[in-house]
Amino acid sequence: MKKIGFVGLGIMGKPMAKNLLKAGYELTVFDINQDAVNEVVAAGGVAAKTAKDVAAQSEAVITMLPNSPHVKTAVLGENGVLEGAKPGLILIDMSSIAPLAAQEVAAAVAKQGVEMLDAPVSGGEPKAIDGSLSIMVGGKQDIFDRCVELLSKMGKSVVRCGDIGAGNTTKLANQIIVALNIAALSEALVLATKAGVDPELVFNAIRGGLAGSTVMEAKAPMILAGNFKPGFKIDLHIKDLANAIETGHDVGVPLPLTSSVMEILQALKVDGKGQNDHSGIAMYYEKMAKIEARKQ
């Protein structure tokens, strides 16, 4: 496959699209943000007026959108992907949505001979830029095999986790672990600061031990610098945890720790911080403790 469509050029989608161009794919793109479209066109892409037009010119279409309703509209709605799709098209939804929603979209597009993978990603904007995302995929093995080379241009790790919906179930597990890690890190750094210990020295002392993690390496420097510019927004993590809690309820799995962090994120949203990076969980603890965990 060489002719690829891309719908959704946000914080993650835009650099992912650019990496496909760098890899030599012919890319047709659509987004409601014309500035993002213009930037990808300047890098070698071709603009389309609708998602329908993207599909009509592509062998595979990637969607990278905020949540389930956006995916359903872009794929199944008026001027959506399905209206322009020919039988044999592959839809790769890389959005993070509810597993059930992925299964519903897959069933709908299958009626017109369109195959689908759900392939959400982890790694945030930095890994989207350098093409080292972790990609979790659900779908048929043969469709995965046809798309793995394409996906590898955007991610360092590309793993098929099962049938449709398995990719997003895996992503929900990922988002639970990330949220709880950031909360634990925030709690610890604020405790250290309030107790009179330089939080940067605490970070340096523990990062190589059992507490060390990819989350700590990415988020501790942001907290210590007071830099909450979004790589992954609090509002989006709220969406992911809402999907996780809903899925947990559906399958009979209580998620008490996830629910606790969800309330922290909701408090931050109410406080006007929904557009901050999720490392901003630290601000919740800082507000309660009346101290900021900054390097000294």
C-alpha atoms as a PDB file:
ATOM      1  CA  MET A   1       0.000   0.000   0.000  1.00  0.00           C
ATOM      2  CA  LYS A   2       1.259   3.438  -0.938  1.00  0.00           C
ATOM      3  CA  LYS A   3      -1.862   5.623  -1.087  1.00  0.00           C
ATOM      4  CA  ILE A   4      -2.883   6.439   2.467  1.00  0.00           C
ATOM      5  CA  GLY A   5      -5.562   8.740   3.819  1.00  0.00           C
ATOM      6  CA  PHE A   6      -5.322  10.523   7.165  1.00  0.00           C
ATOM      7  CA  VAL A   7      -8.273  12.105   8.983  1.00  0.00           C
ATOM      8  CA  GLY A   8      -7.454  14.031  12.161  1.00  0.00           C
ATOM      9  CA  LEU A   9      -4.332  16.200  12.338  1.00  0.00           C
ATOM     10  CA  GLY A  10      -4.243  17.163  15.999  1.00  0.00           C
ATOM     11  CA  ILE A  11      -1.381  17.074  18.507  1.00  0.00           C
ATOM     12  CA  MET A  12      -0.761  13.410  17.689  1.00  0.00           C
ATOM     13  CA  GLY A  13      -2.122  13.039  14.173  1.00  0.00           C
ATOM     14  CA  LYS A  14      -0.104  15.805  12.547  1.00  0.00           C
ATOM     15  CA  PRO A  15       3.359  14.438  13.407  1.00  0.00           C
ATOM     16  CA  MET A  16       2.194  10.896  12.647  1.00  0.00           C
ATOM     17  CA  ALA A  17       1.084  12.025   9.192  1.00  0.00           C
ATOM     18  CA  LYS A  18       4.401  13.776   8.623  1.00  0.00           C
ATOM     19  CA  ASN A  19       6.271  10.573   9.468  1.00  0.00           C
ATOM     20  CA  LEU A  20       4.309   8.717   6.805  1.00  0.00           C
ATOM     21  CA  LEU A  21       5.308  11.358   4.277  1.00  0.00           C
ATOM     22  CA  LYS A  22       8.946  11.000   5.312  1.00  0.00           C
ATOM     23  CA  ALA A  23       8.615   7.247   4.754  1.00  0.00           C
ATOM     24  CA  GLY A  24       7.514   7.818   1.170  1.00  0.00           C
ATOM     25  CA  TYR A  25       3.761   7.234   1.369  1.00  0.00           C
ATOM     26  CA  GLU A  26       1.346   9.243  -0.782  1.00  0.00           C
ATOM     27  CA  LEU A  27      -0.864  10.972   1.769  1.00  0.00           C
ATOM     28  CA  THR A  28      -4.287  12.582   1.373  1.00  0.00           C
ATOM     29  CA  VAL A  29      -5.449  14.421   4.488  1.00  0.00           C
ATOM     30  CA  PHE A  30      -8.484  16.081   6.033  1.00  0.00           C
ATOM     31  CA  ASP A  31      -9.082  18.026   9.229  1.00  0.00           C
ATOM     32  CA  ILE A  32     -11.442  20.815  10.269  1.00  0.00           C
ATOM     33  CA  ASN A  33      -8.330  22.789  11.326  1.00  0.00           C
ATOM     34  CA  GLN A  34      -7.108  24.273   8.051  1.00  0.00           C
ATOM     35  CA  ASP A  35      -3.802  25.415   9.551  1.00  0.00           C
ATOM     36  CA  ALA A  36      -2.951  21.798  10.419  1.00  0.00           C
ATOM     37  CA  VAL A  37      -3.909  20.686   6.903  1.00  0.00           C
ATOM     38  CA  ASN A  38      -1.740  23.420   5.370  1.00  0.00           C
ATOM     39  CA  GLU A  39       1.239  22.321   7.465  1.00  0.00           C
ATOM     40  CA  VAL A  40       0.956  18.706   6.313  1.00  0.00           C
ATOM     41  CA  VAL A  41       0.425  19.810   2.704  1.00  0.00           C
ATOM     42  CA  ALA A  42       3.615  21.877   2.972  1.00  0.00           C
ATOM     43  CA  ALA A  43       5.389  18.661   3.990  1.00  0.00           C
ATOM     44  CA  GLY A  44       4.140  16.860   0.872  1.00  0.00           C
ATOM     45  CA  GLY A  45       0.547  15.819   1.578  1.00  0.00           C
ATOM     46  CA  VAL A  46      -2.533  16.495  -0.522  1.00  0.00           C
ATOM     47  CA  ALA A  47      -5.593  18.179   0.978  1.00  0.00           C
ATOM     48  CA  ALA A  48      -9.113  16.773   0.615  1.00  0.00           C
ATOM     49  CA  LYS A  49     -12.350  18.628   1.295  1.00  0.00           C
ATOM     50  CA  THR A  50     -14.021  15.800   3.227  1.00  0.00           C
ATOM     51  CA  ALA A  51     -13.288  12.432   4.816  1.00  0.00           C
ATOM     52  CA  LYS A  52     -15.296  10.952   1.924  1.00  0.00           C
ATOM     53  CA  ASP A  53     -12.818  12.436  -0.549  1.00  0.00           C
ATOM     54  CA  VAL A  54      -9.908  11.058   1.481  1.00  0.00           C
ATOM     55  CA  ALA A  55     -11.336   7.538   1.298  1.00  0.00           C
ATOM     56  CA  ALA A  56     -12.025   7.767  -2.438  1.00  0.00           C
ATOM     57  CA  GLN A  57      -8.311   8.334  -3.097  1.00  0.00           C
ATOM     58  CA  SER A  58      -6.835   5.849  -0.617  1.00  0.00           C
ATOM     59  CA  GLU A  59      -6.078   2.165  -0.130  1.00  0.00           C
ATOM     60  CA  ALA A  60      -6.117   2.613   3.644  1.00  0.00           C
ATOM     61  CA  VAL A  61      -7.497   5.428   5.787  1.00  0.00           C
ATOM     62  CA  ILE A  62      -6.139   6.291   9.220  1.00  0.00           C
ATOM     63  CA  THR A  63      -8.396   8.167  11.639  1.00  0.00           C
ATOM     64  CA  MET A  64      -6.904   9.934  14.674  1.00  0.00           C
ATOM     65  CA  LEU A  65      -9.731  11.663  16.527  1.00  0.00           C
ATOM     66  CA  PRO A  66     -10.648  12.629  20.117  1.00  0.00           C
ATOM     67  CA  ASN A  67     -13.345  10.101  21.064  1.00  0.00           C
ATOM     68  CA  SER A  68     -15.966   7.579  19.952  1.00  0.00           C
ATOM     69  CA  PRO A  69     -18.587  10.068  18.673  1.00  0.00           C
ATOM     70  CA  HIS A  70     -15.991  11.837  16.501  1.00  0.00           C
ATOM     71  CA  VAL A  71     -14.908   8.545  14.964  1.00  0.00           C
ATOM     72  CA  LYS A  72     -18.493   7.501  14.251  1.00  0.00           C
ATOM     73  CA  THR A  73     -19.219  10.847  12.592  1.00  0.00           C
ATOM     74  CA  ALA A  74     -16.021  10.877  10.530  1.00  0.00           C
ATOM     75  CA  VAL A  75     -16.485   7.282   9.377  1.00  0.00           C
ATOM     76  CA  LEU A  76     -20.229   6.663   9.272  1.00  0.00           C
ATOM     77  CA  GLY A  77     -21.666  10.195   8.979  1.00  0.00           C
ATOM     78  CA  GLU A  78     -22.457  12.413   6.019  1.00  0.00           C
ATOM     79  CA  ASN A  79     -19.382  12.865   3.789  1.00  0.00           C
ATOM     80  CA  GLY A  80     -17.640  10.311   5.977  1.00  0.00           C
ATOM     81  CA  VAL A  81     -15.070   7.699   5.119  1.00  0.00           C
ATOM     82  CA  LEU A  82     -17.637   5.018   4.365  1.00  0.00           C
ATOM     83  CA  GLU A  83     -19.353   7.134   1.687  1.00  0.00           C
ATOM     84  CA  GLY A  84     -16.108   7.303  -0.279  1.00  0.00           C
ATOM     85  CA  ALA A  85     -14.848   3.814   0.468  1.00  0.00           C
ATOM     86  CA  LYS A  86     -14.450   1.118  -2.147  1.00  0.00           C
ATOM     87  CA  PRO A  87     -14.650  -2.567  -1.150  1.00  0.00           C
ATOM     88  CA  GLY A  88     -11.233  -3.661   0.074  1.00  0.00           C
ATOM     89  CA  LEU A  89     -10.390  -0.371   1.777  1.00  0.00           C
ATOM     90  CA  ILE A  90      -8.750  -0.777   5.186  1.00  0.00           C
ATOM     91  CA  LEU A  91      -9.804   1.581   7.972  1.00  0.00           C
ATOM     92  CA  ILE A  92      -7.205   1.961  10.723  1.00  0.00           C
ATOM     93  CA  ASP A  93      -8.676   3.861  13.646  1.00  0.00           C
ATOM     94  CA  MET A  94      -5.805   5.041  15.820  1.00  0.00           C
ATOM     95  CA  SER A  95      -8.037   7.072  18.131  1.00  0.00           C
ATOM     96  CA  SER A  96      -8.477   6.039  21.750  1.00  0.00           C
ATOM     97  CA  ILE A  97     -12.143   5.106  22.004  1.00  0.00           C
ATOM     98  CA  ALA A  98     -14.398   2.658  23.836  1.00  0.00           C
ATOM     99  CA  PRO A  99     -13.804  -0.961  22.730  1.00  0.00           C
ATOM    100  CA  LEU A 100     -17.525  -1.447  22.115  1.00  0.00           C
ATOM    101  CA  ALA A 101     -17.580   1.609  19.845  1.00  0.00           C
ATOM    102  CA  ALA A 102     -14.699   0.166  17.813  1.00  0.00           C
ATOM    103  CA  GLN A 103     -16.638  -3.053  17.393  1.00  0.00           C
ATOM    104  CA  GLU A 104     -19.760  -1.136  16.307  1.00  0.00           C
ATOM    105  CA  VAL A 105     -17.847   0.836  13.660  1.00  0.00           C
ATOM    106  CA  ALA A 106     -16.118  -2.332  12.413  1.00  0.00           C
ATOM    107  CA  ALA A 107     -19.465  -4.105  12.012  1.00  0.00           C
ATOM    108  CA  ALA A 108     -20.923  -1.146  10.108  1.00  0.00           C
ATOM    109  CA  VAL A 109     -18.044  -0.769   7.647  1.00  0.00           C
ATOM    110  CA  ALA A 110     -17.820  -4.529   7.075  1.00  0.00           C
ATOM    111  CA  LYS A 111     -21.234  -4.382   5.380  1.00  0.00           C
ATOM    112  CA  GLN A 112     -19.569  -2.429   2.550  1.00  0.00           C
ATOM    113  CA  GLY A 113     -16.543  -4.670   2.306  1.00  0.00           C
ATOM    114  CA  VAL A 114     -14.256  -2.439   4.378  1.00  0.00           C
ATOM    115  CA  GLU A 115     -11.837  -4.088   6.807  1.00  0.00           C
ATOM    116  CA  MET A 116     -10.868  -2.397  10.073  1.00  0.00           C
ATOM    117  CA  LEU A 117      -8.175  -2.354  12.722  1.00  0.00           C
ATOM    118  CA  ASP A 118      -8.442  -0.477  16.002  1.00  0.00           C
ATOM    119  CA  ALA A 119      -4.912   0.686  16.736  1.00  0.00           C
ATOM    120  CA  PRO A 120      -4.641   3.256  19.554  1.00  0.00           C
ATOM    121  CA  VAL A 121      -1.240   4.562  20.536  1.00  0.00           C
ATOM    122  CA  SER A 122       0.753   5.493  23.614  1.00  0.00           C
ATOM    123  CA  GLY A 123       3.718   7.807  23.955  1.00  0.00           C
ATOM    124  CA  GLY A 124       2.318  11.313  23.632  1.00  0.00           C
ATOM    125  CA  GLU A 125       3.472  14.078  21.330  1.00  0.00           C
ATOM    126  CA  PRO A 126       7.242  13.493  21.708  1.00  0.00           C
ATOM    127  CA  LYS A 127       6.997   9.880  20.533  1.00  0.00           C
ATOM    128  CA  ALA A 128       4.513  10.821  17.815  1.00  0.00           C
ATOM    129  CA  ILE A 129       7.111  13.257  16.508  1.00  0.00           C
ATOM    130  CA  ASP A 130      10.031  10.830  16.535  1.00  0.00           C
ATOM    131  CA  GLY A 131       7.958   7.866  15.329  1.00  0.00           C
ATOM    132  CA  SER A 132       8.505   5.706  18.401  1.00  0.00           C
ATOM    133  CA  LEU A 133       4.907   5.258  19.592  1.00  0.00           C
ATOM    134  CA  SER A 134       3.615   2.030  21.110  1.00  0.00           C
ATOM    135  CA  ILE A 135       0.741   0.839  18.925  1.00  0.00           C
ATOM    136  CA  MET A 136      -1.823  -1.636  20.280  1.00  0.00           C
ATOM    137  CA  VAL A 137      -3.838  -3.314  17.543  1.00  0.00           C
ATOM    138  CA  GLY A 138      -7.101  -5.230  17.357  1.00  0.00           C
ATOM    139  CA  GLY A 139      -8.340  -6.948  14.217  1.00  0.00           C
ATOM    140  CA  LYS A 140      -7.872  -9.896  11.894  1.00  0.00           C
ATOM    141  CA  GLN A 141      -4.361 -11.349  11.696  1.00  0.00           C
ATOM    142  CA  ASP A 142      -4.170 -11.099   7.895  1.00  0.00           C
ATOM    143  CA  ILE A 143      -5.239  -7.436   7.899  1.00  0.00           C
ATOM    144  CA  PHE A 144      -2.705  -6.706  10.635  1.00  0.00           C
ATOM    145  CA  ASP A 145       0.001  -8.402   8.572  1.00  0.00           C
ATOM    146  CA  ARG A 146      -0.823  -6.175   5.599  1.00  0.00           C
ATOM    147  CA  CYS A 147      -0.648  -3.006   7.726  1.00  0.00           C
ATOM    148  CA  VAL A 148       2.230  -3.672  10.108  1.00  0.00           C
ATOM    149  CA  GLU A 149       4.840  -2.057   7.836  1.00  0.00           C
ATOM    150  CA  LEU A 150       2.716   1.091   7.562  1.00  0.00           C
ATOM    151  CA  LEU A 151       2.172   1.212  11.325  1.00  0.00           C
ATOM    152  CA  SER A 152       5.885   0.695  11.972  1.00  0.00           C
ATOM    153  CA  LYS A 153       6.591   4.060  10.335  1.00  0.00           C
ATOM    154  CA  MET A 154       4.752   5.692  13.231  1.00  0.00           C
ATOM    155  CA  GLY A 155       5.634   3.368  16.093  1.00  0.00           C
ATOM    156  CA  LYS A 156       8.553   1.497  17.564  1.00  0.00           C
ATOM    157  CA  SER A 157       6.313  -1.209  19.037  1.00  0.00           C
ATOM    158  CA  VAL A 158       3.410  -2.607  16.999  1.00  0.00           C
ATOM    159  CA  VAL A 159       1.589  -5.485  18.708  1.00  0.00           C
ATOM    160  CA  ARG A 160      -1.617  -7.269  17.718  1.00  0.00           C
ATOM    161  CA  CYS A 161      -3.549  -7.857  20.936  1.00  0.00           C
ATOM    162  CA  GLY A 162      -6.538  -9.767  19.547  1.00  0.00           C
ATOM    163  CA  ASP A 163      -9.672  -9.103  17.529  1.00  0.00           C
ATOM    164  CA  ILE A 164     -11.452  -5.769  17.039  1.00  0.00           C
ATOM    165  CA  GLY A 165     -11.710  -3.912  20.351  1.00  0.00           C
ATOM    166  CA  ALA A 166      -8.609  -5.551  21.824  1.00  0.00           C
ATOM    167  CA  GLY A 167      -6.449  -2.601  20.808  1.00  0.00           C
ATOM    168  CA  ASN A 168      -8.603  -0.155  22.730  1.00  0.00           C
ATOM    169  CA  THR A 169      -8.946  -2.481  25.714  1.00  0.00           C
ATOM    170  CA  THR A 170      -5.154  -2.596  25.862  1.00  0.00           C
ATOM    171  CA  LYS A 171      -5.012   1.193  25.591  1.00  0.00           C
ATOM    172  CA  LEU A 172      -7.415   1.544  28.525  1.00  0.00           C
ATOM    173  CA  ALA A 173      -5.114  -0.681  30.600  1.00  0.00           C
ATOM    174  CA  ASN A 174      -2.215   1.543  29.538  1.00  0.00           C
ATOM    175  CA  GLN A 175      -4.060   4.724  30.506  1.00  0.00           C
ATOM    176  CA  ILE A 176      -4.947   3.371  33.937  1.00  0.00           C
ATOM    177  CA  ILE A 177      -1.285   2.623  34.630  1.00  0.00           C
ATOM    178  CA  VAL A 178      -0.114   6.003  33.306  1.00  0.00           C
ATOM    179  CA  ALA A 179      -2.652   7.962  35.366  1.00  0.00           C
ATOM    180  CA  LEU A 180      -1.872   6.093  38.574  1.00  0.00           C
ATOM    181  CA  ASN A 181       1.867   6.498  37.984  1.00  0.00           C
ATOM    182  CA  ILE A 182       1.553  10.267  37.542  1.00  0.00           C
ATOM    183  CA  ALA A 183      -0.610  10.528  40.651  1.00  0.00           C
ATOM    184  CA  ALA A 184       1.882   8.514  42.722  1.00  0.00           C
ATOM    185  CA  LEU A 185       4.789  10.563  41.385  1.00  0.00           C
ATOM    186  CA  SER A 186       2.981  13.812  42.151  1.00  0.00           C
ATOM    187  CA  GLU A 187       2.068  12.710  45.666  1.00  0.00           C
ATOM    188  CA  ALA A 188       5.667  11.685  46.379  1.00  0.00           C
ATOM    189  CA  LEU A 189       7.311  14.834  45.015  1.00  0.00           C
ATOM    190  CA  VAL A 190       4.934  17.131  46.886  1.00  0.00           C
ATOM    191  CA  LEU A 191       5.546  15.160  50.092  1.00  0.00           C
ATOM    192  CA  ALA A 192       9.322  15.468  49.655  1.00  0.00           C
ATOM    193  CA  THR A 193       9.084  19.204  48.987  1.00  0.00           C
ATOM    194  CA  LYS A 194       6.862  19.881  51.987  1.00  0.00           C
ATOM    195  CA  ALA A 195       9.240  17.842  54.155  1.00  0.00           C
ATOM    196  CA  GLY A 196      12.116  20.102  53.100  1.00  0.00           C
ATOM    197  CA  VAL A 197      13.890  17.825  50.607  1.00  0.00           C
ATOM    198  CA  ASP A 198      14.750  19.025  47.095  1.00  0.00           C
ATOM    199  CA  PRO A 199      12.315  17.110  44.807  1.00  0.00           C
ATOM    200  CA  GLU A 200      14.862  17.063  41.972  1.00  0.00           C
ATOM    201  CA  LEU A 201      17.316  15.218  44.207  1.00  0.00           C
ATOM    202  CA  VAL A 202      14.555  12.783  45.164  1.00  0.00           C
ATOM    203  CA  PHE A 203      13.879  12.154  41.479  1.00  0.00           C
ATOM    204  CA  ASN A 204      17.561  11.577  40.739  1.00  0.00           C
ATOM    205  CA  ALA A 205      17.921   9.262  43.726  1.00  0.00           C
ATOM    206  CA  ILE A 206      14.985   6.984  42.928  1.00  0.00           C
ATOM    207  CA  ARG A 207      14.813   6.996  39.121  1.00  0.00           C
ATOM    208  CA  GLY A 208      17.267   4.104  38.774  1.00  0.00           C
ATOM    209  CA  GLY A 209      15.538   1.910  41.361  1.00  0.00           C
ATOM    210  CA  LEU A 210      12.313  -0.061  41.396  1.00  0.00           C
ATOM    211  CA  ALA A 211      10.204   3.121  41.439  1.00  0.00           C
ATOM    212  CA  GLY A 212      11.755   4.275  38.175  1.00  0.00           C
ATOM    213  CA  SER A 213       9.518   4.195  35.110  1.00  0.00           C
ATOM    214  CA  THR A 214       9.007   5.637  31.655  1.00  0.00           C
ATOM    215  CA  VAL A 215       6.248   7.779  33.144  1.00  0.00           C
ATOM    216  CA  MET A 216       8.614   9.171  35.769  1.00  0.00           C
ATOM    217  CA  GLU A 217      11.279   9.981  33.166  1.00  0.00           C
ATOM    218  CA  ALA A 218       8.766  11.846  31.024  1.00  0.00           C
ATOM    219  CA  LYS A 219       6.724  13.631  33.680  1.00  0.00           C
ATOM    220  CA  ALA A 220       9.025  14.378  36.646  1.00  0.00           C
ATOM    221  CA  PRO A 221      11.054  16.974  34.670  1.00  0.00           C
ATOM    222  CA  MET A 222       7.816  18.684  33.626  1.00  0.00           C
ATOM    223  CA  ILE A 223       6.531  18.830  37.202  1.00  0.00           C
ATOM    224  CA  LEU A 224       9.867  20.064  38.532  1.00  0.00           C
ATOM    225  CA  ALA A 225       9.933  22.826  35.893  1.00  0.00           C
ATOM    226  CA  GLY A 226       6.269  23.737  36.353  1.00  0.00           C
ATOM    227  CA  ASN A 227       5.813  23.051  32.649  1.00  0.00           C
ATOM    228  CA  PHE A 228       2.324  21.741  32.014  1.00  0.00           C
ATOM    229  CA  LYS A 229       2.163  22.507  28.305  1.00  0.00           C
ATOM    230  CA  PRO A 230       0.128  19.634  26.863  1.00  0.00           C
ATOM    231  CA  GLY A 231       1.637  16.621  25.248  1.00  0.00           C
ATOM    232  CA  PHE A 232      -1.477  14.773  26.437  1.00  0.00           C
ATOM    233  CA  LYS A 233      -4.283  16.889  27.874  1.00  0.00           C
ATOM    234  CA  ILE A 234      -6.093  16.292  31.149  1.00  0.00           C
ATOM    235  CA  ASP A 235      -9.385  16.485  29.252  1.00  0.00           C
ATOM    236  CA  LEU A 236      -8.308  13.582  27.041  1.00  0.00           C
ATOM    237  CA  HIS A 237      -7.186  11.482  29.998  1.00  0.00           C
ATOM    238  CA  ILE A 238     -10.593  12.084  31.577  1.00  0.00           C
ATOM    239  CA  LYS A 239     -12.133  10.702  28.381  1.00  0.00           C
ATOM    240  CA  ASP A 240      -9.909   7.609  28.504  1.00  0.00           C
ATOM    241  CA  LEU A 241     -10.610   6.887  32.164  1.00  0.00           C
ATOM    242  CA  ALA A 242     -14.334   7.369  31.577  1.00  0.00           C
ATOM    243  CA  ASN A 243     -14.101   4.694  28.879  1.00  0.00           C
ATOM    244  CA  ALA A 244     -12.081   2.488  31.232  1.00  0.00           C
ATOM    245  CA  ILE A 245     -14.591   2.812  34.071  1.00  0.00           C
ATOM    246  CA  GLU A 246     -17.518   2.189  31.711  1.00  0.00           C
ATOM    247  CA  THR A 247     -15.796  -0.888  30.291  1.00  0.00           C
ATOM    248  CA  GLY A 248     -14.974  -2.101  33.795  1.00  0.00           C
ATOM    249  CA  HIS A 249     -18.624  -1.812  34.768  1.00  0.00           C
ATOM    250  CA  ASP A 250     -19.691  -3.624  31.602  1.00  0.00           C
ATOM    251  CA  VAL A 251     -17.431  -6.627  32.213  1.00  0.00           C
ATOM    252  CA  GLY A 252     -17.699  -6.682  36.011  1.00  0.00           C
ATOM    253  CA  VAL A 253     -14.316  -5.295  37.100  1.00  0.00           C
ATOM    254  CA  PRO A 254     -14.248  -2.691  39.924  1.00  0.00           C
ATOM    255  CA  LEU A 255     -11.645   0.050  39.341  1.00  0.00           C
ATOM    256  CA  PRO A 256     -11.328   1.878  42.683  1.00  0.00           C
ATOM    257  CA  LEU A 257      -7.888   3.442  42.084  1.00  0.00           C
ATOM    258  CA  THR A 258      -8.837   4.540  38.576  1.00  0.00           C
ATOM    259  CA  SER A 259     -11.984   6.143  39.974  1.00  0.00           C
ATOM    260  CA  SER A 260      -9.935   8.055  42.566  1.00  0.00           C
ATOM    261  CA  VAL A 261      -7.594   9.510  39.944  1.00  0.00           C
ATOM    262  CA  MET A 262     -10.597  10.302  37.772  1.00  0.00           C
ATOM    263  CA  GLU A 263     -11.927  12.552  40.540  1.00  0.00           C
ATOM    264  CA  ILE A 264      -8.553  14.301  40.787  1.00  0.00           C
ATOM    265  CA  LEU A 265      -8.654  14.964  37.038  1.00  0.00           C
ATOM    266  CA  GLN A 266     -12.245  16.192  37.306  1.00  0.00           C
ATOM    267  CA  ALA A 267     -11.226  18.605  40.077  1.00  0.00           C
ATOM    268  CA  LEU A 268      -8.467  19.978  37.860  1.00  0.00           C
ATOM    269  CA  LYS A 269     -10.920  20.393  34.980  1.00  0.00           C
ATOM    270  CA  VAL A 270     -13.323  22.318  37.215  1.00  0.00           C
ATOM    271  CA  ASP A 271     -10.337  24.470  38.228  1.00  0.00           C
ATOM    272  CA  GLY A 272      -9.814  25.431  34.577  1.00  0.00           C
ATOM    273  CA  LYS A 273      -6.850  23.143  33.928  1.00  0.00           C
ATOM    274  CA  GLY A 274      -8.393  20.654  31.509  1.00  0.00           C
ATOM    275  CA  GLN A 275      -6.152  21.792  28.658  1.00  0.00           C
ATOM    276  CA  ASN A 276      -2.963  21.269  30.687  1.00  0.00           C
ATOM    277  CA  ASP A 277      -0.765  18.205  30.330  1.00  0.00           C
ATOM    278  CA  HIS A 278      -1.755  15.285  32.550  1.00  0.00           C
ATOM    279  CA  SER A 279       1.463  15.844  34.492  1.00  0.00           C
ATOM    280  CA  GLY A 280      -0.657  18.672  35.929  1.00  0.00           C
ATOM    281  CA  ILE A 281      -2.090  16.096  38.336  1.00  0.00           C
ATOM    282  CA  ALA A 282       0.745  17.459  40.490  1.00  0.00           C
ATOM    283  CA  MET A 283      -1.110  20.778  40.741  1.00  0.00           C
ATOM    284  CA  TYR A 284      -3.947  19.051  42.621  1.00  0.00           C
ATOM    285  CA  TYR A 285      -1.545  17.902  45.337  1.00  0.00           C
ATOM    286  CA  GLU A 286       0.320  21.222  45.332  1.00  0.00           C
ATOM    287  CA  LYS A 287      -2.917  23.117  45.899  1.00  0.00           C
ATOM    288  CA  MET A 288      -3.859  20.917  48.853  1.00  0.00           C
ATOM    289  CA  ALA A 289      -0.369  21.050  50.390  1.00  0.00           C
ATOM    290  CA  LYS A 290       0.089  24.763  49.612  1.00  0.00           C
ATOM    291  CA  ILE A 291       3.524  24.197  48.109  1.00  0.00           C
ATOM    292  CA  GLU A 292       4.962  23.659  44.632  1.00  0.00           C
ATOM    293  CA  ALA A 293       7.266  20.728  43.884  1.00  0.00           C
ATOM    294  CA  ARG A 294       9.853  22.643  41.843  1.00  0.00           C
ATOM    295  CA  LYS A 295      13.585  22.100  41.486  1.00  0.00           C
ATOM    296  CA  GLN A 296      15.496  24.382  43.818  1.00  0.00           C
END
